Amino acid sequence: MKLSLQAAHMVLLLASLLPEATYAEDCPQPGEQEVLFTLFLDEDSNKENGWTMQCDDEVIWNVPTGILLETSGFRTRLHRPFIRNTACIPETATCTFTIEDTWGDGLQYPGYYTLKYGATTISVYDRKPFTENSVCFGPGCTVVPDEIAQDYDDLYFYLKLDANPEETEYSIVCGGVTVLEGKGYGEDDAFVAIEEEAKVEPYACCTLTIKDAGNDGLKEQNEEFYGNAVYLDWATHEVISYGSDVEFGTLSIDFGLGC
């Protein structure tokens, strides 16, 4: 069998760069499907994780454990390097994808992976320990994988307006989509505590932006206030917490596995 793409297109994308998958110029052709594998590395991926994909009698990907040395390891609590592999295969091909973890503990947070066949997500990491996870896809599989619903992470945002609420606005944007937004506050909103929740894709890159037209942050609080004026929690991890004594005109922070 002759495949249109003989080997994986592997790109190591560091957390400081926006993710861009690599594609063959002629991929996919009519009668082909694209396969996309995305792996967010955990602390031990460099020595524990490897993966293969074989379609009929042809090995498309063969990434043995240990080959990722010097490409992983913690950078910060919320920013991780990740890898994407893409390939185009005939729709008539039957393929088996396998990911291994030699230690058997799976991917530790925030390690994660997804596998897409065409427009369908057919495998995602269920955050359970594993030594080997496999999935078969294509017309010759005994068990046809079901389409998997997108996994999401929980987002919690808290903001305590001060005596000048008309000065304050905020937004959280993930992958170019505004997830949360607040502006246009008036005098009646003085000292109001705002709490919002949302769900975001686990491999998205998000940006929290808070603007204060008075350039003094949220300092003008009522006397009984204490604690944080701003708090953001993503996937049970604290992203930011600011007291009311922090002055700012614009406060901005990126977070998420895709950053």
C-alpha atoms as a PDB file:
ATOM      1  CA  MET A   1       0.000   0.000   0.000  1.00  0.00           C
ATOM      2  CA  LYS A   2       1.357   3.410  -0.961  1.00  0.00           C
ATOM      3  CA  LEU A   3       0.492   6.200   1.466  1.00  0.00           C
ATOM      4  CA  SER A   4       0.470   9.842   0.497  1.00  0.00           C
ATOM      5  CA  LEU A   5       2.581  10.661   3.545  1.00  0.00           C
ATOM      6  CA  GLN A   6       5.251   8.148   4.506  1.00  0.00           C
ATOM      7  CA  ALA A   7       6.325   9.594   7.842  1.00  0.00           C
ATOM      8  CA  ALA A   8       5.052  11.806  10.608  1.00  0.00           C
ATOM      9  CA  HIS A   9       5.343  15.547  10.460  1.00  0.00           C
ATOM     10  CA  MET A  10       6.624  16.214  13.970  1.00  0.00           C
ATOM     11  CA  VAL A  11       6.881  19.701  15.369  1.00  0.00           C
ATOM     12  CA  LEU A  12       7.916  20.500  18.929  1.00  0.00           C
ATOM     13  CA  LEU A  13       6.080  23.665  19.886  1.00  0.00           C
ATOM     14  CA  LEU A  14       7.293  25.434  23.008  1.00  0.00           C
ATOM     15  CA  ALA A  15       4.857  27.179  25.283  1.00  0.00           C
ATOM     16  CA  SER A  16       5.903  30.633  24.095  1.00  0.00           C
ATOM     17  CA  LEU A  17       4.657  29.889  20.557  1.00  0.00           C
ATOM     18  CA  LEU A  18       1.129  29.532  19.269  1.00  0.00           C
ATOM     19  CA  PRO A  19       0.397  26.015  17.985  1.00  0.00           C
ATOM     20  CA  GLU A  20       0.355  25.397  14.264  1.00  0.00           C
ATOM     21  CA  ALA A  21      -0.069  21.904  12.884  1.00  0.00           C
ATOM     22  CA  THR A  22       2.037  20.975   9.868  1.00  0.00           C
ATOM     23  CA  TYR A  23       0.343  19.661   6.749  1.00  0.00           C
ATOM     24  CA  ALA A  24       1.498  18.126   3.496  1.00  0.00           C
ATOM     25  CA  GLU A  25       0.678  20.479   0.636  1.00  0.00           C
ATOM     26  CA  ASP A  26      -1.444  17.813  -1.074  1.00  0.00           C
ATOM     27  CA  CYS A  27      -3.114  16.543   2.112  1.00  0.00           C
ATOM     28  CA  PRO A  28      -5.782  15.367   2.137  1.00  0.00           C
ATOM     29  CA  GLN A  29      -6.563  14.285  -1.406  1.00  0.00           C
ATOM     30  CA  PRO A  30      -9.978  12.873  -2.389  1.00  0.00           C
ATOM     31  CA  GLY A  31     -10.348   9.448  -0.801  1.00  0.00           C
ATOM     32  CA  GLU A  32      -7.995  10.324   2.084  1.00  0.00           C
ATOM     33  CA  GLN A  33      -8.434  11.290   5.707  1.00  0.00           C
ATOM     34  CA  GLU A  34      -6.076  13.305   7.875  1.00  0.00           C
ATOM     35  CA  VAL A  35      -4.942  11.860  11.202  1.00  0.00           C
ATOM     36  CA  LEU A  36      -3.873  14.373  13.872  1.00  0.00           C
ATOM     37  CA  PHE A  37      -2.218  13.362  17.147  1.00  0.00           C
ATOM     38  CA  THR A  38      -1.573  16.001  19.822  1.00  0.00           C
ATOM     39  CA  LEU A  39       0.437  15.220  22.954  1.00  0.00           C
ATOM     40  CA  PHE A  40       0.947  17.618  25.850  1.00  0.00           C
ATOM     41  CA  LEU A  41       4.059  16.434  27.645  1.00  0.00           C
ATOM     42  CA  ASP A  42       4.192  15.775  31.346  1.00  0.00           C
ATOM     43  CA  GLU A  43       7.283  15.907  33.558  1.00  0.00           C
ATOM     44  CA  ASP A  44       8.401  12.393  32.579  1.00  0.00           C
ATOM     45  CA  SER A  45       7.303  12.172  28.932  1.00  0.00           C
ATOM     46  CA  ASN A  46      10.929  12.483  27.833  1.00  0.00           C
ATOM     47  CA  LYS A  47      11.722   9.006  29.154  1.00  0.00           C
ATOM     48  CA  GLU A  48       8.344   7.286  29.504  1.00  0.00           C
ATOM     49  CA  ASN A  49       6.205   8.016  26.428  1.00  0.00           C
ATOM     50  CA  GLY A  50       6.308   6.787  22.860  1.00  0.00           C
ATOM     51  CA  TRP A  51       3.738   6.040  20.168  1.00  0.00           C
ATOM     52  CA  THR A  52       3.217   4.190  16.918  1.00  0.00           C
ATOM     53  CA  MET A  53       0.677   4.134  14.126  1.00  0.00           C
ATOM     54  CA  GLN A  54       0.481   1.348  11.553  1.00  0.00           C
ATOM     55  CA  CYS A  55      -1.936   1.351   8.612  1.00  0.00           C
ATOM     56  CA  ASP A  56      -2.328  -2.054   6.956  1.00  0.00           C
ATOM     57  CA  ASP A  57       1.276  -3.175   6.357  1.00  0.00           C
ATOM     58  CA  GLU A  58       2.894   0.261   6.600  1.00  0.00           C
ATOM     59  CA  VAL A  59       4.379   1.871   9.735  1.00  0.00           C
ATOM     60  CA  ILE A  60       3.470   5.559   9.620  1.00  0.00           C
ATOM     61  CA  TRP A  61       4.699   6.727  13.025  1.00  0.00           C
ATOM     62  CA  ASN A  62       7.268   5.061  15.246  1.00  0.00           C
ATOM     63  CA  VAL A  63       8.371   7.261  18.145  1.00  0.00           C
ATOM     64  CA  PRO A  64      10.104   5.038  20.726  1.00  0.00           C
ATOM     65  CA  THR A  65      10.275   5.887  24.409  1.00  0.00           C
ATOM     66  CA  GLY A  66      13.318   7.966  25.299  1.00  0.00           C
ATOM     67  CA  ILE A  67      13.502   9.855  22.004  1.00  0.00           C
ATOM     68  CA  LEU A  68      11.943  12.926  23.594  1.00  0.00           C
ATOM     69  CA  LEU A  69      14.893  13.531  25.926  1.00  0.00           C
ATOM     70  CA  GLU A  70      15.590  17.238  26.455  1.00  0.00           C
ATOM     71  CA  THR A  71      12.237  18.231  24.966  1.00  0.00           C
ATOM     72  CA  SER A  72      10.094  18.142  28.097  1.00  0.00           C
ATOM     73  CA  GLY A  73      10.304  18.970  31.785  1.00  0.00           C
ATOM     74  CA  PHE A  74       8.440  21.653  33.672  1.00  0.00           C
ATOM     75  CA  ARG A  75       8.689  25.222  32.442  1.00  0.00           C
ATOM     76  CA  THR A  76       6.016  26.818  34.595  1.00  0.00           C
ATOM     77  CA  ARG A  77       2.988  25.484  36.362  1.00  0.00           C
ATOM     78  CA  LEU A  78       0.628  26.389  33.537  1.00  0.00           C
ATOM     79  CA  HIS A  79       2.713  26.312  30.362  1.00  0.00           C
ATOM     80  CA  ARG A  80       3.774  23.093  28.679  1.00  0.00           C
ATOM     81  CA  PRO A  81       5.530  22.098  25.464  1.00  0.00           C
ATOM     82  CA  PHE A  82       3.570  19.847  23.153  1.00  0.00           C
ATOM     83  CA  ILE A  83       3.968  17.806  19.984  1.00  0.00           C
ATOM     84  CA  ARG A  84       1.707  17.322  16.979  1.00  0.00           C
ATOM     85  CA  ASN A  85       1.913  14.579  14.363  1.00  0.00           C
ATOM     86  CA  THR A  86      -0.134  14.669  11.171  1.00  0.00           C
ATOM     87  CA  ALA A  87      -0.502  12.169   8.345  1.00  0.00           C
ATOM     88  CA  CYS A  88      -2.924  11.555   5.497  1.00  0.00           C
ATOM     89  CA  ILE A  89      -4.073   8.009   4.831  1.00  0.00           C
ATOM     90  CA  PRO A  90      -6.464   6.383   2.347  1.00  0.00           C
ATOM     91  CA  GLU A  91     -10.007   5.952   3.609  1.00  0.00           C
ATOM     92  CA  THR A  92      -9.647   2.251   2.738  1.00  0.00           C
ATOM     93  CA  ALA A  93      -6.743   1.803   5.177  1.00  0.00           C
ATOM     94  CA  THR A  94      -7.204   0.160   8.570  1.00  0.00           C
ATOM     95  CA  CYS A  95      -4.929   1.671  11.201  1.00  0.00           C
ATOM     96  CA  THR A  96      -3.912   1.000  14.780  1.00  0.00           C
ATOM     97  CA  PHE A  97      -2.560   3.780  16.964  1.00  0.00           C
ATOM     98  CA  THR A  98      -0.773   2.921  20.229  1.00  0.00           C
ATOM     99  CA  ILE A  99       0.678   5.179  22.927  1.00  0.00           C
ATOM    100  CA  GLU A 100       2.914   3.735  25.654  1.00  0.00           C
ATOM    101  CA  ASP A 101       3.907   4.830  29.136  1.00  0.00           C
ATOM    102  CA  THR A 102       6.727   2.635  30.421  1.00  0.00           C
ATOM    103  CA  TRP A 103       6.245   3.590  34.078  1.00  0.00           C
ATOM    104  CA  GLY A 104       2.558   2.723  33.953  1.00  0.00           C
ATOM    105  CA  ASP A 105       1.283   5.840  35.683  1.00  0.00           C
ATOM    106  CA  GLY A 106      -0.068   7.489  32.538  1.00  0.00           C
ATOM    107  CA  LEU A 107       0.259  11.211  31.927  1.00  0.00           C
ATOM    108  CA  GLN A 108       0.456  13.339  35.025  1.00  0.00           C
ATOM    109  CA  TYR A 109      -1.350  16.682  35.034  1.00  0.00           C
ATOM    110  CA  PRO A 110      -1.283  18.598  32.795  1.00  0.00           C
ATOM    111  CA  GLY A 111      -0.210  15.827  30.408  1.00  0.00           C
ATOM    112  CA  TYR A 112      -2.903  15.033  27.854  1.00  0.00           C
ATOM    113  CA  TYR A 113      -3.410  13.648  24.358  1.00  0.00           C
ATOM    114  CA  THR A 114      -6.027  13.608  21.614  1.00  0.00           C
ATOM    115  CA  LEU A 115      -6.301  11.686  18.328  1.00  0.00           C
ATOM    116  CA  LYS A 116      -8.495  12.859  15.445  1.00  0.00           C
ATOM    117  CA  TYR A 117      -9.414  10.954  12.277  1.00  0.00           C
ATOM    118  CA  GLY A 118     -10.772  13.438   9.796  1.00  0.00           C
ATOM    119  CA  ALA A 119     -13.170  15.689  11.687  1.00  0.00           C
ATOM    120  CA  THR A 120     -13.855  13.048  14.360  1.00  0.00           C
ATOM    121  CA  THR A 121     -12.078  12.828  17.714  1.00  0.00           C
ATOM    122  CA  ILE A 122     -11.621   9.090  18.266  1.00  0.00           C
ATOM    123  CA  SER A 123      -9.360   8.982  21.329  1.00  0.00           C
ATOM    124  CA  VAL A 124      -8.583  11.277  24.244  1.00  0.00           C
ATOM    125  CA  TYR A 125      -6.666  10.718  27.443  1.00  0.00           C
ATOM    126  CA  ASP A 126      -9.092   9.795  30.213  1.00  0.00           C
ATOM    127  CA  ARG A 127      -6.584  10.873  32.912  1.00  0.00           C
ATOM    128  CA  LYS A 128      -6.205   7.288  34.173  1.00  0.00           C
ATOM    129  CA  PRO A 129      -2.937   5.338  34.617  1.00  0.00           C
ATOM    130  CA  PHE A 130      -1.926   3.209  31.627  1.00  0.00           C
ATOM    131  CA  THR A 131       0.968   1.228  30.234  1.00  0.00           C
ATOM    132  CA  GLU A 132      -0.466   1.015  26.717  1.00  0.00           C
ATOM    133  CA  ASN A 133      -3.551   2.533  25.105  1.00  0.00           C
ATOM    134  CA  SER A 134      -4.573   1.495  21.581  1.00  0.00           C
ATOM    135  CA  VAL A 135      -7.341   2.384  19.159  1.00  0.00           C
ATOM    136  CA  CYS A 136      -8.202   0.891  15.774  1.00  0.00           C
ATOM    137  CA  PHE A 137      -9.829   2.991  13.054  1.00  0.00           C
ATOM    138  CA  GLY A 138     -10.728   2.380   9.451  1.00  0.00           C
ATOM    139  CA  PRO A 139     -13.027  -0.088   7.671  1.00  0.00           C
ATOM    140  CA  GLY A 140     -11.279  -3.274   8.838  1.00  0.00           C
ATOM    141  CA  CYS A 141     -11.603  -2.725  12.603  1.00  0.00           C
ATOM    142  CA  THR A 142     -13.545  -5.263  14.645  1.00  0.00           C
ATOM    143  CA  VAL A 143     -14.631  -2.503  17.011  1.00  0.00           C
ATOM    144  CA  VAL A 144     -15.359   0.882  15.469  1.00  0.00           C
ATOM    145  CA  PRO A 145     -14.445   3.746  17.812  1.00  0.00           C
ATOM    146  CA  ASP A 146     -17.254   6.081  18.773  1.00  0.00           C
ATOM    147  CA  GLU A 147     -16.884   9.795  18.327  1.00  0.00           C
ATOM    148  CA  ILE A 148     -15.708  11.197  21.645  1.00  0.00           C
ATOM    149  CA  ALA A 149     -17.251  14.347  23.035  1.00  0.00           C
ATOM    150  CA  GLN A 150     -14.808  17.163  23.594  1.00  0.00           C
ATOM    151  CA  ASP A 151     -13.298  17.267  27.065  1.00  0.00           C
ATOM    152  CA  TYR A 152     -13.426  20.625  28.846  1.00  0.00           C
ATOM    153  CA  ASP A 153     -11.738  22.244  31.826  1.00  0.00           C
ATOM    154  CA  ASP A 154     -13.611  24.343  34.356  1.00  0.00           C
ATOM    155  CA  LEU A 155     -12.903  28.053  34.642  1.00  0.00           C
ATOM    156  CA  TYR A 156     -13.840  30.168  37.664  1.00  0.00           C
ATOM    157  CA  PHE A 157     -13.417  33.956  37.719  1.00  0.00           C
ATOM    158  CA  TYR A 158     -13.978  36.382  40.610  1.00  0.00           C
ATOM    159  CA  LEU A 159     -13.700  40.173  40.536  1.00  0.00           C
ATOM    160  CA  LYS A 160     -14.656  42.674  43.254  1.00  0.00           C
ATOM    161  CA  LEU A 161     -15.588  46.040  41.787  1.00  0.00           C
ATOM    162  CA  ASP A 162     -14.494  49.106  43.728  1.00  0.00           C
ATOM    163  CA  ALA A 163     -16.096  52.531  44.290  1.00  0.00           C
ATOM    164  CA  ASN A 164     -15.577  53.415  40.616  1.00  0.00           C
ATOM    165  CA  PRO A 165     -17.103  50.466  38.721  1.00  0.00           C
ATOM    166  CA  GLU A 166     -17.482  52.490  35.527  1.00  0.00           C
ATOM    167  CA  GLU A 167     -13.686  52.405  35.201  1.00  0.00           C
ATOM    168  CA  THR A 168     -13.472  48.609  35.078  1.00  0.00           C
ATOM    169  CA  GLU A 169     -13.910  46.083  32.269  1.00  0.00           C
ATOM    170  CA  TYR A 170     -12.596  42.575  31.727  1.00  0.00           C
ATOM    171  CA  SER A 171     -12.522  39.762  29.211  1.00  0.00           C
ATOM    172  CA  ILE A 172     -11.276  36.184  28.912  1.00  0.00           C
ATOM    173  CA  VAL A 173     -10.527  35.136  25.333  1.00  0.00           C
ATOM    174  CA  CYS A 174      -9.623  31.532  24.409  1.00  0.00           C
ATOM    175  CA  GLY A 175      -8.501  30.691  20.880  1.00  0.00           C
ATOM    176  CA  GLY A 176      -9.916  33.957  19.570  1.00  0.00           C
ATOM    177  CA  VAL A 177     -13.334  33.362  21.170  1.00  0.00           C
ATOM    178  CA  THR A 178     -14.548  35.571  24.026  1.00  0.00           C
ATOM    179  CA  VAL A 179     -15.512  33.231  26.850  1.00  0.00           C
ATOM    180  CA  LEU A 180     -16.291  35.779  29.580  1.00  0.00           C
ATOM    181  CA  GLU A 181     -16.744  39.532  29.377  1.00  0.00           C
ATOM    182  CA  GLY A 182     -17.841  42.349  31.645  1.00  0.00           C
ATOM    183  CA  LYS A 183     -18.125  46.104  31.015  1.00  0.00           C
ATOM    184  CA  GLY A 184     -20.508  49.017  31.146  1.00  0.00           C
ATOM    185  CA  TYR A 185     -20.871  49.062  34.934  1.00  0.00           C
ATOM    186  CA  GLY A 186     -22.548  52.020  36.646  1.00  0.00           C
ATOM    187  CA  GLU A 187     -22.744  53.630  40.081  1.00  0.00           C
ATOM    188  CA  ASP A 188     -25.169  50.999  41.370  1.00  0.00           C
ATOM    189  CA  ASP A 189     -22.512  48.338  40.785  1.00  0.00           C
ATOM    190  CA  ALA A 190     -20.076  49.805  43.324  1.00  0.00           C
ATOM    191  CA  PHE A 191     -18.513  47.088  45.498  1.00  0.00           C
ATOM    192  CA  VAL A 192     -20.372  44.312  43.667  1.00  0.00           C
ATOM    193  CA  ALA A 193     -18.641  40.909  43.671  1.00  0.00           C
ATOM    194  CA  ILE A 194     -18.728  39.266  40.244  1.00  0.00           C
ATOM    195  CA  GLU A 195     -18.467  35.472  39.996  1.00  0.00           C
ATOM    196  CA  GLU A 196     -18.525  33.699  36.635  1.00  0.00           C
ATOM    197  CA  GLU A 197     -17.889  30.158  35.445  1.00  0.00           C
ATOM    198  CA  ALA A 198     -17.153  28.728  32.011  1.00  0.00           C
ATOM    199  CA  LYS A 199     -15.732  25.639  30.314  1.00  0.00           C
ATOM    200  CA  VAL A 200     -12.731  25.814  27.984  1.00  0.00           C
ATOM    201  CA  GLU A 201     -10.885  23.297  25.830  1.00  0.00           C
ATOM    202  CA  PRO A 202      -7.968  21.797  27.794  1.00  0.00           C
ATOM    203  CA  TYR A 203      -5.434  22.621  25.070  1.00  0.00           C
ATOM    204  CA  ALA A 204      -6.626  26.182  24.395  1.00  0.00           C
ATOM    205  CA  CYS A 205      -4.552  29.314  24.986  1.00  0.00           C
ATOM    206  CA  CYS A 206      -6.522  31.918  26.909  1.00  0.00           C
ATOM    207  CA  THR A 207      -5.899  35.546  27.873  1.00  0.00           C
ATOM    208  CA  LEU A 208      -7.397  37.347  30.847  1.00  0.00           C
ATOM    209  CA  THR A 209      -7.428  41.135  30.442  1.00  0.00           C
ATOM    210  CA  ILE A 210      -8.669  43.596  33.065  1.00  0.00           C
ATOM    211  CA  LYS A 211      -8.658  47.320  32.352  1.00  0.00           C
ATOM    212  CA  ASP A 212      -9.089  50.144  34.838  1.00  0.00           C
ATOM    213  CA  ALA A 213      -9.517  53.596  33.306  1.00  0.00           C
ATOM    214  CA  GLY A 214      -8.419  55.245  36.566  1.00  0.00           C
ATOM    215  CA  ASN A 215      -5.068  53.410  36.459  1.00  0.00           C
ATOM    216  CA  ASP A 216      -5.325  52.597  40.160  1.00  0.00           C
ATOM    217  CA  GLY A 217      -6.657  49.043  39.900  1.00  0.00           C
ATOM    218  CA  LEU A 218      -9.447  48.100  42.312  1.00  0.00           C
ATOM    219  CA  LYS A 219      -8.136  50.036  45.300  1.00  0.00           C
ATOM    220  CA  GLU A 220     -11.246  52.010  46.267  1.00  0.00           C
ATOM    221  CA  GLN A 221     -12.902  49.236  48.264  1.00  0.00           C
ATOM    222  CA  ASN A 222     -15.336  49.573  51.150  1.00  0.00           C
ATOM    223  CA  GLU A 223     -13.937  49.331  54.660  1.00  0.00           C
ATOM    224  CA  GLU A 224     -15.177  45.819  55.442  1.00  0.00           C
ATOM    225  CA  PHE A 225     -13.525  44.321  52.348  1.00  0.00           C
ATOM    226  CA  TYR A 226     -10.544  42.015  52.706  1.00  0.00           C
ATOM    227  CA  GLY A 227      -9.014  39.301  50.552  1.00  0.00           C
ATOM    228  CA  ASN A 228      -8.552  39.148  46.781  1.00  0.00           C
ATOM    229  CA  ALA A 229     -10.038  41.678  44.401  1.00  0.00           C
ATOM    230  CA  VAL A 230      -9.262  39.394  41.446  1.00  0.00           C
ATOM    231  CA  TYR A 231      -9.055  35.594  41.398  1.00  0.00           C
ATOM    232  CA  LEU A 232      -8.936  33.163  38.473  1.00  0.00           C
ATOM    233  CA  ASP A 233      -8.965  29.386  38.763  1.00  0.00           C
ATOM    234  CA  TRP A 234      -8.444  27.142  35.719  1.00  0.00           C
ATOM    235  CA  ALA A 235      -8.808  23.345  35.958  1.00  0.00           C
ATOM    236  CA  THR A 236      -8.526  23.611  39.779  1.00  0.00           C
ATOM    237  CA  HIS A 237      -5.224  25.494  39.437  1.00  0.00           C
ATOM    238  CA  GLU A 238      -4.871  29.064  40.599  1.00  0.00           C
ATOM    239  CA  VAL A 239      -3.861  31.295  37.695  1.00  0.00           C
ATOM    240  CA  ILE A 240      -3.905  34.681  39.388  1.00  0.00           C
ATOM    241  CA  SER A 241      -4.922  36.291  42.670  1.00  0.00           C
ATOM    242  CA  TYR A 242      -4.577  40.001  43.289  1.00  0.00           C
ATOM    243  CA  GLY A 243      -5.345  42.063  46.361  1.00  0.00           C
ATOM    244  CA  SER A 244      -7.035  45.427  46.171  1.00  0.00           C
ATOM    245  CA  ASP A 245      -3.724  47.186  46.884  1.00  0.00           C
ATOM    246  CA  VAL A 246      -2.302  46.395  43.422  1.00  0.00           C
ATOM    247  CA  GLU A 247      -2.412  49.376  41.089  1.00  0.00           C
ATOM    248  CA  PHE A 248      -2.825  48.810  37.352  1.00  0.00           C
ATOM    249  CA  GLY A 249      -4.264  50.322  34.227  1.00  0.00           C
ATOM    250  CA  THR A 250      -4.239  47.109  32.222  1.00  0.00           C
ATOM    251  CA  LEU A 251      -3.672  43.691  33.740  1.00  0.00           C
ATOM    252  CA  SER A 252      -3.133  40.812  31.299  1.00  0.00           C
ATOM    253  CA  ILE A 253      -2.073  37.182  31.704  1.00  0.00           C
ATOM    254  CA  ASP A 254      -1.981  34.195  29.335  1.00  0.00           C
ATOM    255  CA  PHE A 255      -2.876  30.727  30.582  1.00  0.00           C
ATOM    256  CA  GLY A 256      -3.750  27.305  29.214  1.00  0.00           C
ATOM    257  CA  LEU A 257      -1.891  24.354  27.760  1.00  0.00           C
ATOM    258  CA  GLY A 258      -1.852  25.859  24.263  1.00  0.00           C
ATOM    259  CA  CYS A 259       0.079  28.994  25.226  1.00  0.00           C
END
